[in-house]
């Protein structure tokens, strides 16, 4: 038994040694090369954004409730419909009228029509110009004075949650781009209408709510939709721009490598940068539009599958016809 165990241990050690050898050999086959491209500083526009999340809400959500207990006879509107101030939203009967009409119905059509004319139904009117966002009550349903028969909204807004570290950069009237999670391809322009003074704590982070009004409310806007908001922060026009990968950092300095026409060795030039949009840097000084900046990136090349570093544990499959003389 001891001899068998010893043999098994030896085999395992050999396999481990071979695996390590293969890994080292493959690693040694890796080749890294540098790709150098030339770019020139260009004049352009740079815009920075403050990104956060938010939700679509009605600015003013108004529940229309009945003045008395009773029964809904008919609903005159549907969800998504625009209504005017004073427009009839629904008709209802008080508890007494509903009982009287139910009794008259058993006495014939003529008696029922008589009491319908004598005892008029109650109309529920819209108190504002707005949009119906909830109208799920059905005719014949019994309601009380605490039940909302119809819910209205004057207009939909986007309520963003802004971190306290960024709230100082948000101003009234500031522009923003809103992207709904359900419609990622559509960018909706909006402006800041209100910044809340009271903070809230969400996941141990202090945030402030900010209300935005879309310049044009799309038809697909729905209350409760989740959104991503990009507030326009700093923006400048006609500034010198360089890709972020062209700017290198060394201690507290930023520098670039300039093409040296008289030599293969590039020239190191210290530059002063401004704002960045994560794609480009604003260049305040150090280079001009006539300079040629070198951008270096590394490219790794791994050995091909048919190289000598193939796995020895796999069968050696010879190519068809290789043994033919």
C-alpha atoms as a PDB file:
ATOM      1  CA  UNK A   1       0.000   0.000   0.000  1.00  0.00           C
ATOM      2  CA  UNK A   2       2.811   2.416   0.881  1.00  0.00           C
ATOM      3  CA  UNK A   3       4.473   1.784  -2.484  1.00  0.00           C
ATOM      4  CA  UNK A   4       1.191   2.514  -4.309  1.00  0.00           C
ATOM      5  CA  UNK A   5       0.698   5.746  -2.341  1.00  0.00           C
ATOM      6  CA  UNK A   6       4.270   6.777  -3.066  1.00  0.00           C
ATOM      7  CA  UNK A   7       3.750   6.206  -6.788  1.00  0.00           C
ATOM      8  CA  UNK A   8       0.540   8.270  -6.750  1.00  0.00           C
ATOM      9  CA  UNK A   9       2.310  11.135  -4.993  1.00  0.00           C
ATOM     10  CA  UNK A  10       5.159  10.999  -7.508  1.00  0.00           C
ATOM     11  CA  UNK A  11       2.706  11.111 -10.433  1.00  0.00           C
ATOM     12  CA  UNK A  12       0.885  14.115  -8.917  1.00  0.00           C
ATOM     13  CA  UNK A  13       4.158  15.981  -8.378  1.00  0.00           C
ATOM     14  CA  UNK A  14       5.240  15.264 -11.947  1.00  0.00           C
ATOM     15  CA  UNK A  15       1.922  16.578 -13.302  1.00  0.00           C
ATOM     16  CA  UNK A  16       2.237  19.739 -11.221  1.00  0.00           C
ATOM     17  CA  UNK A  17       5.796  20.281 -12.402  1.00  0.00           C
ATOM     18  CA  UNK A  18       4.750  19.867 -16.041  1.00  0.00           C
ATOM     19  CA  UNK A  19       1.840  22.306 -15.583  1.00  0.00           C
ATOM     20  CA  UNK A  20       4.143  24.933 -14.053  1.00  0.00           C
ATOM     21  CA  UNK A  21       6.634  24.410 -16.895  1.00  0.00           C
ATOM     22  CA  UNK A  22       3.891  24.922 -19.496  1.00  0.00           C
ATOM     23  CA  UNK A  23       2.630  28.071 -17.782  1.00  0.00           C
ATOM     24  CA  UNK A  24       6.130  29.566 -17.651  1.00  0.00           C
ATOM     25  CA  UNK A  25       6.752  28.673 -21.268  1.00  0.00           C
ATOM     26  CA  UNK A  26       3.470  30.239 -22.427  1.00  0.00           C
ATOM     27  CA  UNK A  27       4.208  33.337 -20.365  1.00  0.00           C
ATOM     28  CA  UNK A  28       7.597  33.655 -21.982  1.00  0.00           C
ATOM     29  CA  UNK A  29       5.941  33.502 -25.399  1.00  0.00           C
ATOM     30  CA  UNK A  30       3.850  36.589 -24.690  1.00  0.00           C
ATOM     31  CA  UNK A  31       4.996  39.551 -26.673  1.00  0.00           C
ATOM     32  CA  UNK A  32       4.094  43.151 -25.954  1.00  0.00           C
ATOM     33  CA  UNK A  33       4.429  45.831 -28.552  1.00  0.00           C
ATOM     34  CA  UNK A  34       3.691  49.519 -28.498  1.00  0.00           C
ATOM     35  CA  UNK A  35       1.410  51.223 -30.967  1.00  0.00           C
ATOM     36  CA  UNK A  36       2.246  54.868 -31.504  1.00  0.00           C
ATOM     37  CA  UNK A  37      -0.188  57.221 -33.179  1.00  0.00           C
ATOM     38  CA  UNK A  38       0.069  60.909 -33.838  1.00  0.00           C
ATOM     39  CA  UNK A  39      -2.600  63.424 -32.847  1.00  0.00           C
ATOM     40  CA  UNK A  40      -2.817  67.182 -33.048  1.00  0.00           C
ATOM     41  CA  UNK A  41      -4.536  69.432 -30.516  1.00  0.00           C
ATOM     42  CA  UNK A  42      -7.796  70.662 -32.003  1.00  0.00           C
ATOM     43  CA  UNK A  43     -10.191  73.470 -31.177  1.00  0.00           C
ATOM     44  CA  UNK A  44     -13.573  72.241 -29.993  1.00  0.00           C
ATOM     45  CA  UNK A  45     -16.283  72.221 -27.353  1.00  0.00           C
ATOM     46  CA  UNK A  46     -15.930  70.441 -24.027  1.00  0.00           C
ATOM     47  CA  UNK A  47     -18.835  69.826 -21.674  1.00  0.00           C
ATOM     48  CA  UNK A  48     -18.805  68.167 -18.260  1.00  0.00           C
ATOM     49  CA  UNK A  49     -21.803  66.499 -16.676  1.00  0.00           C
ATOM     50  CA  UNK A  50     -23.016  65.506 -13.225  1.00  0.00           C
ATOM     51  CA  UNK A  51     -24.771  62.157 -13.515  1.00  0.00           C
ATOM     52  CA  UNK A  52     -27.358  60.774 -11.127  1.00  0.00           C
ATOM     53  CA  UNK A  53     -30.634  58.837 -11.089  1.00  0.00           C
ATOM     54  CA  UNK A  54     -34.234  59.879 -10.643  1.00  0.00           C
ATOM     55  CA  UNK A  55     -37.885  58.981 -11.095  1.00  0.00           C
ATOM     56  CA  UNK A  56     -40.805  60.418 -13.055  1.00  0.00           C
ATOM     57  CA  UNK A  57     -43.488  61.876 -10.760  1.00  0.00           C
ATOM     58  CA  UNK A  58     -46.583  64.060 -11.103  1.00  0.00           C
ATOM     59  CA  UNK A  59     -45.733  67.580  -9.965  1.00  0.00           C
ATOM     60  CA  UNK A  60     -49.115  67.838  -8.280  1.00  0.00           C
ATOM     61  CA  UNK A  61     -51.033  64.623  -7.701  1.00  0.00           C
ATOM     62  CA  UNK A  62     -54.710  65.308  -7.001  1.00  0.00           C
ATOM     63  CA  UNK A  63     -57.179  62.642  -5.880  1.00  0.00           C
ATOM     64  CA  UNK A  64     -60.817  63.323  -6.740  1.00  0.00           C
ATOM     65  CA  UNK A  65     -63.004  61.849  -3.976  1.00  0.00           C
ATOM     66  CA  UNK A  66     -66.825  61.696  -3.737  1.00  0.00           C
ATOM     67  CA  UNK A  67     -68.634  64.180  -1.434  1.00  0.00           C
ATOM     68  CA  UNK A  68     -70.889  61.422  -0.041  1.00  0.00           C
ATOM     69  CA  UNK A  69     -70.934  57.646   0.221  1.00  0.00           C
ATOM     70  CA  UNK A  70     -72.624  55.937  -2.664  1.00  0.00           C
ATOM     71  CA  UNK A  71     -72.260  54.085  -5.942  1.00  0.00           C
ATOM     72  CA  UNK A  72     -70.461  54.973  -9.156  1.00  0.00           C
ATOM     73  CA  UNK A  73     -72.849  55.067 -12.114  1.00  0.00           C
ATOM     74  CA  UNK A  74     -70.355  55.897 -14.893  1.00  0.00           C
ATOM     75  CA  UNK A  75     -66.757  57.039 -15.504  1.00  0.00           C
ATOM     76  CA  UNK A  76     -66.520  59.746 -18.166  1.00  0.00           C
ATOM     77  CA  UNK A  77     -62.741  59.723 -18.670  1.00  0.00           C
ATOM     78  CA  UNK A  78     -59.911  57.241 -19.173  1.00  0.00           C
ATOM     79  CA  UNK A  79     -56.254  57.106 -18.156  1.00  0.00           C
ATOM     80  CA  UNK A  80     -53.974  59.340 -20.200  1.00  0.00           C
ATOM     81  CA  UNK A  81     -56.803  61.687 -21.211  1.00  0.00           C
ATOM     82  CA  UNK A  82     -56.354  65.448 -20.914  1.00  0.00           C
ATOM     83  CA  UNK A  83     -59.085  67.182 -18.917  1.00  0.00           C
ATOM     84  CA  UNK A  84     -60.108  70.785 -18.311  1.00  0.00           C
ATOM     85  CA  UNK A  85     -61.085  72.576 -15.139  1.00  0.00           C
ATOM     86  CA  UNK A  86     -64.773  71.859 -14.447  1.00  0.00           C
ATOM     87  CA  UNK A  87     -65.004  68.853 -16.799  1.00  0.00           C
ATOM     88  CA  UNK A  88     -67.205  65.952 -15.607  1.00  0.00           C
ATOM     89  CA  UNK A  89     -65.048  62.993 -14.579  1.00  0.00           C
ATOM     90  CA  UNK A  90     -67.702  60.619 -13.255  1.00  0.00           C
ATOM     91  CA  UNK A  91     -71.361  60.317 -12.212  1.00  0.00           C
ATOM     92  CA  UNK A  92     -72.427  58.754  -8.941  1.00  0.00           C
ATOM     93  CA  UNK A  93     -75.526  58.098  -6.817  1.00  0.00           C
ATOM     94  CA  UNK A  94     -75.710  58.686  -3.110  1.00  0.00           C
ATOM     95  CA  UNK A  95     -76.516  55.663  -0.952  1.00  0.00           C
ATOM     96  CA  UNK A  96     -80.160  56.800  -0.719  1.00  0.00           C
ATOM     97  CA  UNK A  97     -80.526  57.366  -4.498  1.00  0.00           C
ATOM     98  CA  UNK A  98     -78.923  54.017  -5.265  1.00  0.00           C
ATOM     99  CA  UNK A  99     -81.381  52.240  -2.929  1.00  0.00           C
ATOM    100  CA  UNK A 100     -84.336  54.144  -4.429  1.00  0.00           C
ATOM    101  CA  UNK A 101     -83.356  53.310  -8.010  1.00  0.00           C
ATOM    102  CA  UNK A 102     -82.833  49.638  -7.142  1.00  0.00           C
ATOM    103  CA  UNK A 103     -86.373  49.525  -5.689  1.00  0.00           C
ATOM    104  CA  UNK A 104     -87.865  51.404  -8.674  1.00  0.00           C
ATOM    105  CA  UNK A 105     -86.204  49.044 -11.129  1.00  0.00           C
ATOM    106  CA  UNK A 106     -88.458  46.244  -9.921  1.00  0.00           C
ATOM    107  CA  UNK A 107     -91.570  48.341 -10.629  1.00  0.00           C
ATOM    108  CA  UNK A 108     -90.970  48.842 -14.312  1.00  0.00           C
ATOM    109  CA  UNK A 109     -89.083  51.009 -16.779  1.00  0.00           C
ATOM    110  CA  UNK A 110     -91.410  53.986 -16.468  1.00  0.00           C
ATOM    111  CA  UNK A 111     -91.062  54.197 -12.690  1.00  0.00           C
ATOM    112  CA  UNK A 112     -87.278  53.895 -12.944  1.00  0.00           C
ATOM    113  CA  UNK A 113     -87.029  56.739 -15.469  1.00  0.00           C
ATOM    114  CA  UNK A 114     -89.275  58.913 -13.316  1.00  0.00           C
ATOM    115  CA  UNK A 115     -87.075  58.615 -10.246  1.00  0.00           C
ATOM    116  CA  UNK A 116     -83.900  59.042 -12.326  1.00  0.00           C
ATOM    117  CA  UNK A 117     -85.258  62.432 -13.435  1.00  0.00           C
ATOM    118  CA  UNK A 118     -86.529  63.463 -10.024  1.00  0.00           C
ATOM    119  CA  UNK A 119     -83.455  62.357  -8.072  1.00  0.00           C
ATOM    120  CA  UNK A 120     -80.446  63.619 -10.050  1.00  0.00           C
ATOM    121  CA  UNK A 121     -77.017  61.924  -9.834  1.00  0.00           C
ATOM    122  CA  UNK A 122     -73.968  63.692  -8.446  1.00  0.00           C
ATOM    123  CA  UNK A 123     -71.226  64.780 -10.828  1.00  0.00           C
ATOM    124  CA  UNK A 124     -67.530  64.641  -9.941  1.00  0.00           C
ATOM    125  CA  UNK A 125     -65.745  67.570 -11.593  1.00  0.00           C
ATOM    126  CA  UNK A 126     -62.087  68.180 -12.381  1.00  0.00           C
ATOM    127  CA  UNK A 127     -60.689  71.017 -10.241  1.00  0.00           C
ATOM    128  CA  UNK A 128     -57.693  71.637 -12.542  1.00  0.00           C
ATOM    129  CA  UNK A 129     -56.442  71.392 -16.098  1.00  0.00           C
ATOM    130  CA  UNK A 130     -54.443  68.203 -16.167  1.00  0.00           C
ATOM    131  CA  UNK A 131     -54.144  64.571 -17.152  1.00  0.00           C
ATOM    132  CA  UNK A 132     -55.895  61.488 -15.805  1.00  0.00           C
ATOM    133  CA  UNK A 133     -53.259  59.135 -14.385  1.00  0.00           C
ATOM    134  CA  UNK A 134     -55.549  56.731 -12.483  1.00  0.00           C
ATOM    135  CA  UNK A 135     -59.112  55.800 -13.454  1.00  0.00           C
ATOM    136  CA  UNK A 136     -59.601  52.230 -12.313  1.00  0.00           C
ATOM    137  CA  UNK A 137     -62.953  52.607 -10.513  1.00  0.00           C
ATOM    138  CA  UNK A 138     -65.700  50.670 -12.285  1.00  0.00           C
ATOM    139  CA  UNK A 139     -69.401  51.567 -12.688  1.00  0.00           C
ATOM    140  CA  UNK A 140     -71.505  49.889 -10.007  1.00  0.00           C
ATOM    141  CA  UNK A 141     -68.660  50.013  -7.488  1.00  0.00           C
ATOM    142  CA  UNK A 142     -69.514  51.251  -4.004  1.00  0.00           C
ATOM    143  CA  UNK A 143     -67.335  54.117  -2.779  1.00  0.00           C
ATOM    144  CA  UNK A 144     -66.883  56.168   0.366  1.00  0.00           C
ATOM    145  CA  UNK A 145     -65.709  59.723   0.922  1.00  0.00           C
ATOM    146  CA  UNK A 146     -62.164  58.433   1.512  1.00  0.00           C
ATOM    147  CA  UNK A 147     -61.909  56.600  -1.845  1.00  0.00           C
ATOM    148  CA  UNK A 148     -60.196  58.251  -4.824  1.00  0.00           C
ATOM    149  CA  UNK A 149     -62.406  57.760  -7.865  1.00  0.00           C
ATOM    150  CA  UNK A 150     -60.017  59.488 -10.295  1.00  0.00           C
ATOM    151  CA  UNK A 151     -56.441  60.720  -9.822  1.00  0.00           C
ATOM    152  CA  UNK A 152     -55.188  63.740 -11.786  1.00  0.00           C
ATOM    153  CA  UNK A 153     -51.800  65.291 -12.439  1.00  0.00           C
ATOM    154  CA  UNK A 154     -51.141  68.788 -13.742  1.00  0.00           C
ATOM    155  CA  UNK A 155     -47.897  67.676 -15.465  1.00  0.00           C
ATOM    156  CA  UNK A 156     -45.128  65.112 -15.070  1.00  0.00           C
ATOM    157  CA  UNK A 157     -41.662  66.013 -13.819  1.00  0.00           C
ATOM    158  CA  UNK A 158     -38.410  64.144 -13.176  1.00  0.00           C
ATOM    159  CA  UNK A 159     -37.217  64.148  -9.569  1.00  0.00           C
ATOM    160  CA  UNK A 160     -33.474  63.574  -9.301  1.00  0.00           C
ATOM    161  CA  UNK A 161     -31.423  62.558  -6.273  1.00  0.00           C
ATOM    162  CA  UNK A 162     -28.239  64.649  -6.142  1.00  0.00           C
ATOM    163  CA  UNK A 163     -25.365  63.896  -3.793  1.00  0.00           C
ATOM    164  CA  UNK A 164     -24.569  66.666  -1.325  1.00  0.00           C
ATOM    165  CA  UNK A 165     -21.068  66.981  -2.819  1.00  0.00           C
ATOM    166  CA  UNK A 166     -22.612  67.984  -6.169  1.00  0.00           C
ATOM    167  CA  UNK A 167     -25.633  70.023  -5.068  1.00  0.00           C
ATOM    168  CA  UNK A 168     -23.574  73.234  -5.074  1.00  0.00           C
ATOM    169  CA  UNK A 169     -23.069  72.802  -8.831  1.00  0.00           C
ATOM    170  CA  UNK A 170     -26.814  72.673  -9.551  1.00  0.00           C
ATOM    171  CA  UNK A 171     -28.626  75.949 -10.292  1.00  0.00           C
ATOM    172  CA  UNK A 172     -32.201  76.915 -11.149  1.00  0.00           C
ATOM    173  CA  UNK A 173     -32.742  76.914 -14.911  1.00  0.00           C
ATOM    174  CA  UNK A 174     -29.734  74.675 -15.483  1.00  0.00           C
ATOM    175  CA  UNK A 175     -30.014  72.328 -18.441  1.00  0.00           C
ATOM    176  CA  UNK A 176     -29.957  68.547 -18.226  1.00  0.00           C
ATOM    177  CA  UNK A 177     -30.462  65.454 -20.352  1.00  0.00           C
ATOM    178  CA  UNK A 178     -32.914  62.799 -19.156  1.00  0.00           C
ATOM    179  CA  UNK A 179     -32.775  59.176 -20.328  1.00  0.00           C
ATOM    180  CA  UNK A 180     -35.530  56.793 -19.295  1.00  0.00           C
ATOM    181  CA  UNK A 181     -34.500  53.207 -18.537  1.00  0.00           C
ATOM    182  CA  UNK A 182     -37.355  52.038 -20.779  1.00  0.00           C
ATOM    183  CA  UNK A 183     -36.269  54.264 -23.711  1.00  0.00           C
ATOM    184  CA  UNK A 184     -32.470  54.371 -23.663  1.00  0.00           C
ATOM    185  CA  UNK A 185     -32.180  55.717 -27.215  1.00  0.00           C
ATOM    186  CA  UNK A 186     -34.141  58.894 -26.463  1.00  0.00           C
ATOM    187  CA  UNK A 187     -32.504  61.935 -24.836  1.00  0.00           C
ATOM    188  CA  UNK A 188     -34.999  64.376 -23.317  1.00  0.00           C
ATOM    189  CA  UNK A 189     -33.971  67.960 -22.667  1.00  0.00           C
ATOM    190  CA  UNK A 190     -35.033  69.338 -19.296  1.00  0.00           C
ATOM    191  CA  UNK A 191     -34.367  72.282 -16.993  1.00  0.00           C
ATOM    192  CA  UNK A 192     -34.045  72.532 -13.214  1.00  0.00           C
ATOM    193  CA  UNK A 193     -37.262  73.948 -11.737  1.00  0.00           C
ATOM    194  CA  UNK A 194     -36.801  73.440  -7.997  1.00  0.00           C
ATOM    195  CA  UNK A 195     -34.020  72.450  -5.597  1.00  0.00           C
ATOM    196  CA  UNK A 196     -35.227  71.114  -2.265  1.00  0.00           C
ATOM    197  CA  UNK A 197     -33.795  72.652   0.897  1.00  0.00           C
ATOM    198  CA  UNK A 198     -34.248  69.599   3.114  1.00  0.00           C
ATOM    199  CA  UNK A 199     -31.883  66.682   2.698  1.00  0.00           C
ATOM    200  CA  UNK A 200     -32.564  62.963   2.917  1.00  0.00           C
ATOM    201  CA  UNK A 201     -30.326  60.023   3.754  1.00  0.00           C
ATOM    202  CA  UNK A 202     -30.379  57.159   1.245  1.00  0.00           C
ATOM    203  CA  UNK A 203     -28.045  54.193   1.876  1.00  0.00           C
ATOM    204  CA  UNK A 204     -26.009  56.322   4.305  1.00  0.00           C
ATOM    205  CA  UNK A 205     -25.546  59.018   1.645  1.00  0.00           C
ATOM    206  CA  UNK A 206     -26.948  62.530   2.058  1.00  0.00           C
ATOM    207  CA  UNK A 207     -28.892  63.591  -1.013  1.00  0.00           C
ATOM    208  CA  UNK A 208     -31.055  66.518  -2.112  1.00  0.00           C
ATOM    209  CA  UNK A 209     -34.039  66.219  -4.408  1.00  0.00           C
ATOM    210  CA  UNK A 210     -34.078  68.285  -7.582  1.00  0.00           C
ATOM    211  CA  UNK A 211     -37.151  68.675  -9.806  1.00  0.00           C
ATOM    212  CA  UNK A 212     -36.720  68.997 -13.567  1.00  0.00           C
ATOM    213  CA  UNK A 213     -39.330  69.923 -16.152  1.00  0.00           C
ATOM    214  CA  UNK A 214     -38.963  68.416 -19.651  1.00  0.00           C
ATOM    215  CA  UNK A 215     -38.935  71.000 -22.432  1.00  0.00           C
ATOM    216  CA  UNK A 216     -41.358  68.746 -24.265  1.00  0.00           C
ATOM    217  CA  UNK A 217     -43.068  65.895 -22.434  1.00  0.00           C
ATOM    218  CA  UNK A 218     -43.049  62.746 -24.625  1.00  0.00           C
ATOM    219  CA  UNK A 219     -46.208  60.711 -24.938  1.00  0.00           C
ATOM    220  CA  UNK A 220     -44.469  57.664 -23.442  1.00  0.00           C
ATOM    221  CA  UNK A 221     -43.775  59.470 -20.132  1.00  0.00           C
ATOM    222  CA  UNK A 222     -45.339  57.518 -17.263  1.00  0.00           C
ATOM    223  CA  UNK A 223     -45.359  58.173 -13.555  1.00  0.00           C
ATOM    224  CA  UNK A 224     -42.903  55.904 -11.725  1.00  0.00           C
ATOM    225  CA  UNK A 225     -40.467  55.428 -14.625  1.00  0.00           C
ATOM    226  CA  UNK A 226     -36.787  55.320 -13.631  1.00  0.00           C
ATOM    227  CA  UNK A 227     -34.381  57.693 -15.324  1.00  0.00           C
ATOM    228  CA  UNK A 228     -30.742  58.727 -15.588  1.00  0.00           C
ATOM    229  CA  UNK A 229     -30.097  62.473 -15.422  1.00  0.00           C
ATOM    230  CA  UNK A 230     -26.988  64.224 -16.741  1.00  0.00           C
ATOM    231  CA  UNK A 231     -26.802  67.813 -15.488  1.00  0.00           C
ATOM    232  CA  UNK A 232     -24.761  70.114 -17.695  1.00  0.00           C
ATOM    233  CA  UNK A 233     -21.974  71.448 -15.487  1.00  0.00           C
ATOM    234  CA  UNK A 234     -18.949  73.304 -16.884  1.00  0.00           C
ATOM    235  CA  UNK A 235     -18.791  73.850 -20.605  1.00  0.00           C
ATOM    236  CA  UNK A 236     -16.429  75.796 -22.845  1.00  0.00           C
ATOM    237  CA  UNK A 237     -16.180  76.524 -26.552  1.00  0.00           C
ATOM    238  CA  UNK A 238     -13.209  77.073 -28.853  1.00  0.00           C
ATOM    239  CA  UNK A 239     -10.721  75.474 -26.485  1.00  0.00           C
ATOM    240  CA  UNK A 240      -7.700  73.329 -27.318  1.00  0.00           C
ATOM    241  CA  UNK A 241      -8.450  69.624 -26.790  1.00  0.00           C
ATOM    242  CA  UNK A 242      -6.327  66.487 -26.500  1.00  0.00           C
ATOM    243  CA  UNK A 243      -7.429  62.873 -25.874  1.00  0.00           C
ATOM    244  CA  UNK A 244      -7.045  61.829 -22.245  1.00  0.00           C
ATOM    245  CA  UNK A 245      -4.608  59.054 -23.211  1.00  0.00           C
ATOM    246  CA  UNK A 246      -2.251  61.653 -24.680  1.00  0.00           C
ATOM    247  CA  UNK A 247      -1.753  63.382 -21.325  1.00  0.00           C
ATOM    248  CA  UNK A 248       0.625  61.693 -18.899  1.00  0.00           C
ATOM    249  CA  UNK A 249       1.092  62.420 -15.223  1.00  0.00           C
ATOM    250  CA  UNK A 250       4.278  62.569 -13.225  1.00  0.00           C
ATOM    251  CA  UNK A 251       4.022  63.642  -9.600  1.00  0.00           C
ATOM    252  CA  UNK A 252       2.099  66.932  -9.704  1.00  0.00           C
ATOM    253  CA  UNK A 253       2.773  67.708 -13.373  1.00  0.00           C
ATOM    254  CA  UNK A 254       0.952  66.849 -16.583  1.00  0.00           C
ATOM    255  CA  UNK A 255       3.016  66.392 -19.714  1.00  0.00           C
ATOM    256  CA  UNK A 256       2.817  65.138 -23.299  1.00  0.00           C
ATOM    257  CA  UNK A 257       5.324  63.644 -25.711  1.00  0.00           C
ATOM    258  CA  UNK A 258       5.899  65.734 -28.838  1.00  0.00           C
ATOM    259  CA  UNK A 259       7.201  64.423 -32.126  1.00  0.00           C
ATOM    260  CA  UNK A 260      10.775  65.527 -32.755  1.00  0.00           C
ATOM    261  CA  UNK A 261      11.325  65.862 -36.497  1.00  0.00           C
ATOM    262  CA  UNK A 262      15.073  65.978 -36.024  1.00  0.00           C
ATOM    263  CA  UNK A 263      15.294  62.813 -33.936  1.00  0.00           C
ATOM    264  CA  UNK A 264      13.530  59.558 -33.163  1.00  0.00           C
ATOM    265  CA  UNK A 265      13.365  60.535 -29.491  1.00  0.00           C
ATOM    266  CA  UNK A 266      10.203  62.446 -28.534  1.00  0.00           C
ATOM    267  CA  UNK A 267      10.312  65.708 -26.627  1.00  0.00           C
ATOM    268  CA  UNK A 268       8.713  65.909 -23.193  1.00  0.00           C
ATOM    269  CA  UNK A 269       6.542  69.015 -22.768  1.00  0.00           C
ATOM    270  CA  UNK A 270       4.780  70.066 -19.571  1.00  0.00           C
ATOM    271  CA  UNK A 271       1.171  71.206 -20.137  1.00  0.00           C
ATOM    272  CA  UNK A 272      -1.492  72.828 -18.015  1.00  0.00           C
ATOM    273  CA  UNK A 273      -4.882  71.137 -18.217  1.00  0.00           C
ATOM    274  CA  UNK A 274      -8.371  72.405 -17.472  1.00  0.00           C
ATOM    275  CA  UNK A 275     -11.609  70.442 -17.291  1.00  0.00           C
ATOM    276  CA  UNK A 276     -12.139  66.967 -18.711  1.00  0.00           C
ATOM    277  CA  UNK A 277     -15.168  65.077 -19.992  1.00  0.00           C
ATOM    278  CA  UNK A 278     -13.408  61.693 -19.574  1.00  0.00           C
ATOM    279  CA  UNK A 279     -12.636  61.643 -23.299  1.00  0.00           C
ATOM    280  CA  UNK A 280     -10.678  64.850 -23.788  1.00  0.00           C
ATOM    281  CA  UNK A 281      -8.654  67.296 -21.732  1.00  0.00           C
ATOM    282  CA  UNK A 282      -8.853  71.041 -22.088  1.00  0.00           C
ATOM    283  CA  UNK A 283      -5.285  72.255 -22.704  1.00  0.00           C
ATOM    284  CA  UNK A 284      -4.666  75.697 -21.225  1.00  0.00           C
ATOM    285  CA  UNK A 285      -0.966  75.995 -22.090  1.00  0.00           C
ATOM    286  CA  UNK A 286       2.101  74.035 -23.197  1.00  0.00           C
ATOM    287  CA  UNK A 287       1.175  73.070 -26.758  1.00  0.00           C
ATOM    288  CA  UNK A 288      -0.436  74.630 -29.803  1.00  0.00           C
ATOM    289  CA  UNK A 289      -2.518  73.303 -32.653  1.00  0.00           C
ATOM    290  CA  UNK A 290       0.614  73.019 -34.803  1.00  0.00           C
ATOM    291  CA  UNK A 291       2.329  70.538 -32.456  1.00  0.00           C
ATOM    292  CA  UNK A 292       2.204  66.784 -33.058  1.00  0.00           C
ATOM    293  CA  UNK A 293       1.561  64.742 -29.916  1.00  0.00           C
ATOM    294  CA  UNK A 294       2.511  61.076 -29.674  1.00  0.00           C
ATOM    295  CA  UNK A 295       0.027  58.694 -28.055  1.00  0.00           C
ATOM    296  CA  UNK A 296       1.424  55.326 -26.997  1.00  0.00           C
ATOM    297  CA  UNK A 297      -0.655  52.259 -26.241  1.00  0.00           C
ATOM    298  CA  UNK A 298       0.476  48.705 -25.504  1.00  0.00           C
ATOM    299  CA  UNK A 299      -0.664  45.709 -27.508  1.00  0.00           C
ATOM    300  CA  UNK A 300      -0.206  42.167 -26.213  1.00  0.00           C
ATOM    301  CA  UNK A 301       0.247  39.257 -28.628  1.00  0.00           C
ATOM    302  CA  UNK A 302      -0.213  35.716 -27.326  1.00  0.00           C
ATOM    303  CA  UNK A 303       1.236  32.611 -28.988  1.00  0.00           C
ATOM    304  CA  UNK A 304      -0.991  30.885 -31.506  1.00  0.00           C
ATOM    305  CA  UNK A 305      -2.724  27.603 -30.777  1.00  0.00           C
ATOM    306  CA  UNK A 306      -0.339  25.575 -32.954  1.00  0.00           C
ATOM    307  CA  UNK A 307       2.816  26.886 -31.269  1.00  0.00           C
ATOM    308  CA  UNK A 308       5.275  24.724 -29.375  1.00  0.00           C
ATOM    309  CA  UNK A 309       3.574  25.678 -26.140  1.00  0.00           C
ATOM    310  CA  UNK A 310       0.627  23.360 -26.781  1.00  0.00           C
ATOM    311  CA  UNK A 311      -0.747  21.221 -23.993  1.00  0.00           C
ATOM    312  CA  UNK A 312       1.174  17.894 -23.880  1.00  0.00           C
ATOM    313  CA  UNK A 313      -1.784  16.188 -22.177  1.00  0.00           C
ATOM    314  CA  UNK A 314      -3.894  16.556 -25.338  1.00  0.00           C
ATOM    315  CA  UNK A 315      -3.456  14.004 -28.126  1.00  0.00           C
ATOM    316  CA  UNK A 316      -1.037  15.041 -30.840  1.00  0.00           C
ATOM    317  CA  UNK A 317      -3.370  15.323 -33.854  1.00  0.00           C
ATOM    318  CA  UNK A 318      -1.289  15.250 -37.021  1.00  0.00           C
ATOM    319  CA  UNK A 319      -2.550  17.069 -40.019  1.00  0.00           C
ATOM    320  CA  UNK A 320      -4.232  14.976 -42.674  1.00  0.00           C
ATOM    321  CA  UNK A 321      -1.740  13.829 -45.281  1.00  0.00           C
ATOM    322  CA  UNK A 322       1.315  14.783 -43.214  1.00  0.00           C
ATOM    323  CA  UNK A 323       2.621  11.195 -43.327  1.00  0.00           C
ATOM    324  CA  UNK A 324       2.401  10.939 -47.053  1.00  0.00           C
ATOM    325  CA  UNK A 325       5.704  10.699 -48.789  1.00  0.00           C
END
